[in-house]
Amino acid sequence: MSLKVLIVDDDPVCVMLHRLRVKTSNISENPKSYYNGKTAFDAILEAEKKDDDYLIFLDINMPVMNGWDLLNAIQTSSILNKVHVVMVSSSVDYEDMKKAKTYPQVIGFYEKALNGSVCNEIKSIPALSSFYN
C-alpha cells in the first residue's frame, strides 16, 4: 500500500510552491499536479483498481470542476475510503471551513501557501501518520 500525493490547484505559482514544499517536507518525492478537479478525479479513477491511498491538497475555486465538486464526486466513487483531503485555500471564510468539515475525507483546512510546520502537522494526522513512520 502506498500514498499517492496530488496537488489540485489552478494557480501555477501555488502548484509550484506546494510541489516544492511537499518534496522538501518529505511528504512525497513525486507529487502529481492537476489544474482542476476533473483531471484529478479522472486520474484517480483510472488508477482505482490499485491498492493506493491518496492525499489530495485541494484548492476550492477552480475552473471546470472546483474543490467542492471534486469532493462530491469522491462521495459517490469506490475510492471513497482511500482518499484524504487537505484543503489549501486563500479563502478564510468560516462557512468554507464549516462546509469542509462535512466531508469525511477532509482531514485539514489550511490557508495558502503551505509551509514547513503545516506539512509536518499534516504528516502527524492519524489518518496519514502510518505512511510516515
Protein backbone atom coordinates (compact mmCIF):
# COMPACT_ATOMS: atom_id res chain seq x y z
CA MET A 1 0.00 0.00 0.00
CA SER A 2 1.33 3.40 -0.92
CA LEU A 3 0.22 7.00 -0.66
CA LYS A 4 -0.13 8.97 -3.89
CA VAL A 5 0.00 12.74 -3.42
CA LEU A 6 -1.96 15.07 -5.68
CA ILE A 7 -1.87 18.86 -5.77
CA VAL A 8 -5.07 20.24 -7.30
CA ASP A 9 -4.98 23.99 -7.88
CA ASP A 10 -5.48 26.22 -10.91
CA ASP A 11 -2.73 28.67 -9.91
CA PRO A 12 0.60 27.57 -11.44
CA VAL A 13 2.62 29.53 -8.86
CA CYS A 14 0.82 27.83 -5.97
CA VAL A 15 1.26 24.44 -7.62
CA MET A 16 4.99 25.09 -7.97
CA LEU A 17 5.31 26.26 -4.34
CA HIS A 18 3.25 23.37 -3.00
CA ARG A 19 5.19 20.80 -5.04
CA LEU A 20 8.44 22.19 -3.63
CA ARG A 21 7.12 22.21 -0.05
CA VAL A 22 5.68 18.68 -0.34
CA LYS A 23 9.03 17.42 -1.61
CA THR A 24 11.22 19.24 0.93
CA SER A 25 8.94 18.15 3.79
CA ASN A 26 9.24 14.51 2.69
CA ILE A 27 5.51 14.14 2.17
CA SER A 28 6.15 12.87 -1.36
CA GLU A 29 9.09 12.69 -3.74
CA ASN A 30 6.85 12.91 -6.78
CA PRO A 31 3.51 14.66 -6.22
CA LYS A 32 1.23 14.84 -9.25
CA SER A 33 -0.28 18.20 -10.21
CA TYR A 34 -3.69 18.91 -11.70
CA TYR A 35 -5.17 22.29 -12.57
CA ASN A 36 -8.82 21.37 -11.96
CA GLY A 37 -10.79 18.74 -10.10
CA LYS A 38 -11.96 16.92 -13.23
CA THR A 39 -8.49 15.94 -14.43
CA ALA A 40 -7.55 14.89 -10.90
CA PHE A 41 -10.70 12.80 -10.49
CA ASP A 42 -10.20 11.17 -13.90
CA ALA A 43 -6.62 10.24 -12.95
CA ILE A 44 -7.75 8.73 -9.65
CA LEU A 45 -10.49 6.72 -11.34
CA GLU A 46 -8.01 5.37 -13.89
CA ALA A 47 -5.88 4.04 -11.05
CA GLU A 48 -8.72 2.96 -8.72
CA LYS A 49 -8.02 -0.76 -9.16
CA LYS A 50 -4.66 -0.31 -7.45
CA ASP A 51 -4.26 -0.57 -3.71
CA ASP A 52 -3.17 3.04 -3.26
CA ASP A 53 -4.38 5.70 -0.89
CA TYR A 54 -4.49 9.33 -1.96
CA LEU A 55 -3.56 12.55 -0.22
CA ILE A 56 -5.04 15.47 -2.11
CA PHE A 57 -4.01 19.06 -1.47
CA LEU A 58 -7.15 20.74 -2.78
CA ASP A 59 -7.98 24.31 -3.70
CA ILE A 60 -11.64 25.39 -3.65
CA ASN A 61 -12.05 27.84 -6.53
CA MET A 62 -11.02 26.37 -9.89
CA PRO A 63 -12.49 26.16 -13.38
CA VAL A 64 -14.12 23.05 -14.89
CA MET A 65 -14.58 21.23 -11.55
CA ASN A 66 -13.98 23.13 -8.32
CA GLY A 67 -12.92 21.64 -4.99
CA TRP A 68 -16.47 21.14 -3.73
CA ASP A 69 -17.46 19.38 -6.95
CA LEU A 70 -14.45 17.07 -6.63
CA LEU A 71 -15.35 16.26 -3.03
CA ASN A 72 -18.93 15.50 -4.13
CA ALA A 73 -17.67 13.23 -6.92
CA ILE A 74 -15.45 11.36 -4.45
CA GLN A 75 -18.51 10.68 -2.25
CA THR A 76 -20.08 8.56 -4.99
CA SER A 77 -16.93 6.68 -6.03
CA SER A 78 -15.42 3.37 -4.98
CA ILE A 79 -12.27 5.16 -3.76
CA LEU A 80 -14.21 6.97 -1.05
CA ASN A 81 -12.31 5.36 1.84
CA LYS A 82 -8.88 5.68 0.23
CA VAL A 83 -8.88 9.48 -0.11
CA HIS A 84 -7.59 12.01 2.41
CA VAL A 85 -8.06 15.67 1.54
CA VAL A 86 -6.25 18.70 2.87
CA MET A 87 -7.98 21.88 1.76
CA VAL A 88 -5.45 24.58 0.89
CA SER A 89 -7.26 27.76 0.01
CA SER A 90 -6.94 31.50 0.00
CA SER A 91 -10.45 31.55 1.48
CA VAL A 92 -10.62 32.41 5.14
CA ASP A 93 -14.42 32.27 5.07
CA TYR A 94 -15.69 30.44 8.13
CA GLU A 95 -18.52 28.95 6.02
CA ASP A 96 -15.94 27.25 3.77
CA MET A 97 -14.19 25.77 6.79
CA LYS A 98 -17.53 24.61 8.19
CA LYS A 99 -18.56 23.08 4.85
CA ALA A 100 -15.20 21.27 4.54
CA LYS A 101 -15.84 19.54 7.88
CA THR A 102 -18.98 17.93 6.46
CA TYR A 103 -16.83 15.74 4.18
CA PRO A 104 -15.29 12.73 5.98
CA GLN A 105 -12.26 12.79 3.66
CA VAL A 106 -11.24 16.31 4.68
CA ILE A 107 -8.56 15.99 7.35
CA GLY A 108 -7.37 19.59 7.37
CA PHE A 109 -8.06 23.12 6.16
CA TYR A 110 -5.13 25.50 5.71
CA GLU A 111 -4.57 28.90 4.21
CA LYS A 112 -2.32 29.14 1.14
CA ALA A 113 0.55 28.64 0.85
CA LEU A 114 1.80 25.51 2.58
CA ASN A 115 4.73 25.93 4.96
CA GLY A 116 7.03 23.51 6.72
CA SER A 117 5.20 23.44 10.04
CA VAL A 118 1.86 22.77 8.32
CA CYS A 119 3.44 19.93 6.33
CA ASN A 120 4.86 18.38 9.50
CA GLU A 121 1.46 18.72 11.16
CA ILE A 122 -0.18 17.00 8.16
CA LYS A 123 2.24 14.06 8.41
CA SER A 124 1.21 13.56 12.06
CA ILE A 125 -2.56 13.42 11.36
CA PRO A 126 -3.68 9.93 12.47
CA ALA A 127 -5.14 9.05 9.04
CA LEU A 128 -1.70 9.65 7.47
CA SER A 129 0.88 9.03 10.19
CA SER A 130 1.33 5.35 9.30
CA PHE A 131 2.68 6.41 5.90
CA TYR A 132 5.42 8.48 7.54
CA ASN A 133 6.68 6.26 10.40
